[in-house]
Amino acid sequence: MNIYQYRSPLGLFLIKPHADSRWGLWFKADLLGSYFSAMAAADDVYMQATGDYDWDSLDGVDIPTDISEWDVVAR
């Protein structure tokens, strides 16, 4: 499975395989959530609905709209 990263202005987001065939969304070494798909995790980052206050309230940042715009760092 792939591991995806997005280097945001506030820090590194990672989406990687997690327990029970799910995907974990990590930000600054903190697990923000567990998802059924990598796309669902990337969508929460895009919608700024991650649960991280600093990220979710940040204005004026160019955010990838789709998981295909994230960097693949491992397969």
C-alpha atoms as a PDB file:
ATOM      1  CA  MET A   1       0.000   0.000   0.000  1.00  0.00           C
ATOM      2  CA  ASN A   2       1.077   3.560  -0.636  1.00  0.00           C
ATOM      3  CA  ILE A   3       2.055   6.152   1.930  1.00  0.00           C
ATOM      4  CA  TYR A   4       1.079   9.694   0.978  1.00  0.00           C
ATOM      5  CA  GLN A   5       2.438  12.999   2.231  1.00  0.00           C
ATOM      6  CA  TYR A   6       1.499  16.646   1.949  1.00  0.00           C
ATOM      7  CA  ARG A   7       3.903  19.282   3.240  1.00  0.00           C
ATOM      8  CA  SER A   8       1.554  21.998   4.451  1.00  0.00           C
ATOM      9  CA  PRO A   9       2.639  25.433   5.688  1.00  0.00           C
ATOM     10  CA  LEU A  10       2.085  24.154   9.258  1.00  0.00           C
ATOM     11  CA  GLY A  11       3.739  20.758   8.996  1.00  0.00           C
ATOM     12  CA  LEU A  12       3.714  17.330   7.421  1.00  0.00           C
ATOM     13  CA  PHE A  13       0.515  15.353   6.846  1.00  0.00           C
ATOM     14  CA  LEU A  14       0.834  11.608   6.245  1.00  0.00           C
ATOM     15  CA  ILE A  15      -1.800   9.150   5.124  1.00  0.00           C
ATOM     16  CA  LYS A  16      -0.695   5.577   5.643  1.00  0.00           C
ATOM     17  CA  PRO A  17      -2.094   2.117   6.304  1.00  0.00           C
ATOM     18  CA  HIS A  18      -3.490   1.730   9.795  1.00  0.00           C
ATOM     19  CA  ALA A  19      -5.138  -1.053  11.804  1.00  0.00           C
ATOM     20  CA  ASP A  20      -7.805  -3.335  10.322  1.00  0.00           C
ATOM     21  CA  SER A  21      -7.318  -2.334   6.663  1.00  0.00           C
ATOM     22  CA  ARG A  22      -8.012   1.315   7.440  1.00  0.00           C
ATOM     23  CA  TRP A  23      -5.986   4.445   6.709  1.00  0.00           C
ATOM     24  CA  GLY A  24      -4.525   6.737   9.350  1.00  0.00           C
ATOM     25  CA  LEU A  25      -4.227  10.499   8.962  1.00  0.00           C
ATOM     26  CA  TRP A  26      -1.139  11.770  10.787  1.00  0.00           C
ATOM     27  CA  PHE A  27      -0.123  15.384  11.370  1.00  0.00           C
ATOM     28  CA  LYS A  28       3.049  16.349  13.232  1.00  0.00           C
ATOM     29  CA  ALA A  29       3.319  12.779  14.573  1.00  0.00           C
ATOM     30  CA  ASP A  30      -0.271  12.828  15.924  1.00  0.00           C
ATOM     31  CA  LEU A  31      -2.934  10.430  14.654  1.00  0.00           C
ATOM     32  CA  LEU A  32      -5.913  12.621  13.750  1.00  0.00           C
ATOM     33  CA  GLY A  33      -8.235   9.916  12.480  1.00  0.00           C
ATOM     34  CA  SER A  34      -8.817   6.500  10.965  1.00  0.00           C
ATOM     35  CA  TYR A  35     -10.561   6.189   7.583  1.00  0.00           C
ATOM     36  CA  PHE A  36     -11.922   3.542   5.226  1.00  0.00           C
ATOM     37  CA  SER A  37      -9.924   5.058   2.341  1.00  0.00           C
ATOM     38  CA  ALA A  38      -6.930   7.304   1.734  1.00  0.00           C
ATOM     39  CA  MET A  39      -9.188   9.581  -0.314  1.00  0.00           C
ATOM     40  CA  ALA A  40     -11.501  10.127   2.667  1.00  0.00           C
ATOM     41  CA  ALA A  41      -8.520  11.188   4.792  1.00  0.00           C
ATOM     42  CA  ALA A  42      -7.256  13.543   2.066  1.00  0.00           C
ATOM     43  CA  ASP A  43     -10.753  15.007   1.776  1.00  0.00           C
ATOM     44  CA  ASP A  44     -10.774  15.920   5.479  1.00  0.00           C
ATOM     45  CA  VAL A  45      -7.460  17.743   4.964  1.00  0.00           C
ATOM     46  CA  TYR A  46      -8.887  19.581   1.936  1.00  0.00           C
ATOM     47  CA  MET A  47     -12.111  20.474   3.757  1.00  0.00           C
ATOM     48  CA  GLN A  48     -10.079  21.495   6.834  1.00  0.00           C
ATOM     49  CA  ALA A  49     -12.089  19.118   8.983  1.00  0.00           C
ATOM     50  CA  THR A  50      -9.224  17.198  10.600  1.00  0.00           C
ATOM     51  CA  GLY A  51      -9.778  18.099  14.237  1.00  0.00           C
ATOM     52  CA  ASP A  52      -6.494  20.031  14.399  1.00  0.00           C
ATOM     53  CA  TYR A  53      -7.538  23.583  15.296  1.00  0.00           C
ATOM     54  CA  ASP A  54      -4.523  25.327  13.746  1.00  0.00           C
ATOM     55  CA  TRP A  55      -4.994  23.576  10.401  1.00  0.00           C
ATOM     56  CA  ASP A  56      -8.770  23.681  10.326  1.00  0.00           C
ATOM     57  CA  SER A  57      -8.829  27.434  10.972  1.00  0.00           C
ATOM     58  CA  LEU A  58      -5.981  28.369   8.587  1.00  0.00           C
ATOM     59  CA  ASP A  59      -6.974  30.770   5.786  1.00  0.00           C
ATOM     60  CA  GLY A  60      -5.459  31.413   2.383  1.00  0.00           C
ATOM     61  CA  VAL A  61      -3.561  28.165   1.853  1.00  0.00           C
ATOM     62  CA  ASP A  62      -3.431  26.140  -1.376  1.00  0.00           C
ATOM     63  CA  ILE A  63      -4.581  22.641  -0.386  1.00  0.00           C
ATOM     64  CA  PRO A  64      -4.509  19.549  -2.633  1.00  0.00           C
ATOM     65  CA  THR A  65      -8.056  18.820  -3.761  1.00  0.00           C
ATOM     66  CA  ASP A  66      -7.487  15.099  -4.320  1.00  0.00           C
ATOM     67  CA  ILE A  67      -5.215  12.297  -3.096  1.00  0.00           C
ATOM     68  CA  SER A  68      -3.622  12.253  -6.575  1.00  0.00           C
ATOM     69  CA  GLU A  69      -2.056  15.635  -5.734  1.00  0.00           C
ATOM     70  CA  TRP A  70      -0.275  14.239  -2.654  1.00  0.00           C
ATOM     71  CA  ASP A  71       3.276  12.891  -2.924  1.00  0.00           C
ATOM     72  CA  VAL A  72       3.660   9.106  -2.786  1.00  0.00           C
ATOM     73  CA  VAL A  73       6.620   8.403  -0.501  1.00  0.00           C
ATOM     74  CA  ALA A  74       6.429   4.596  -0.278  1.00  0.00           C
ATOM     75  CA  ARG A  75       4.642   1.754  -2.007  1.00  0.00           C
END
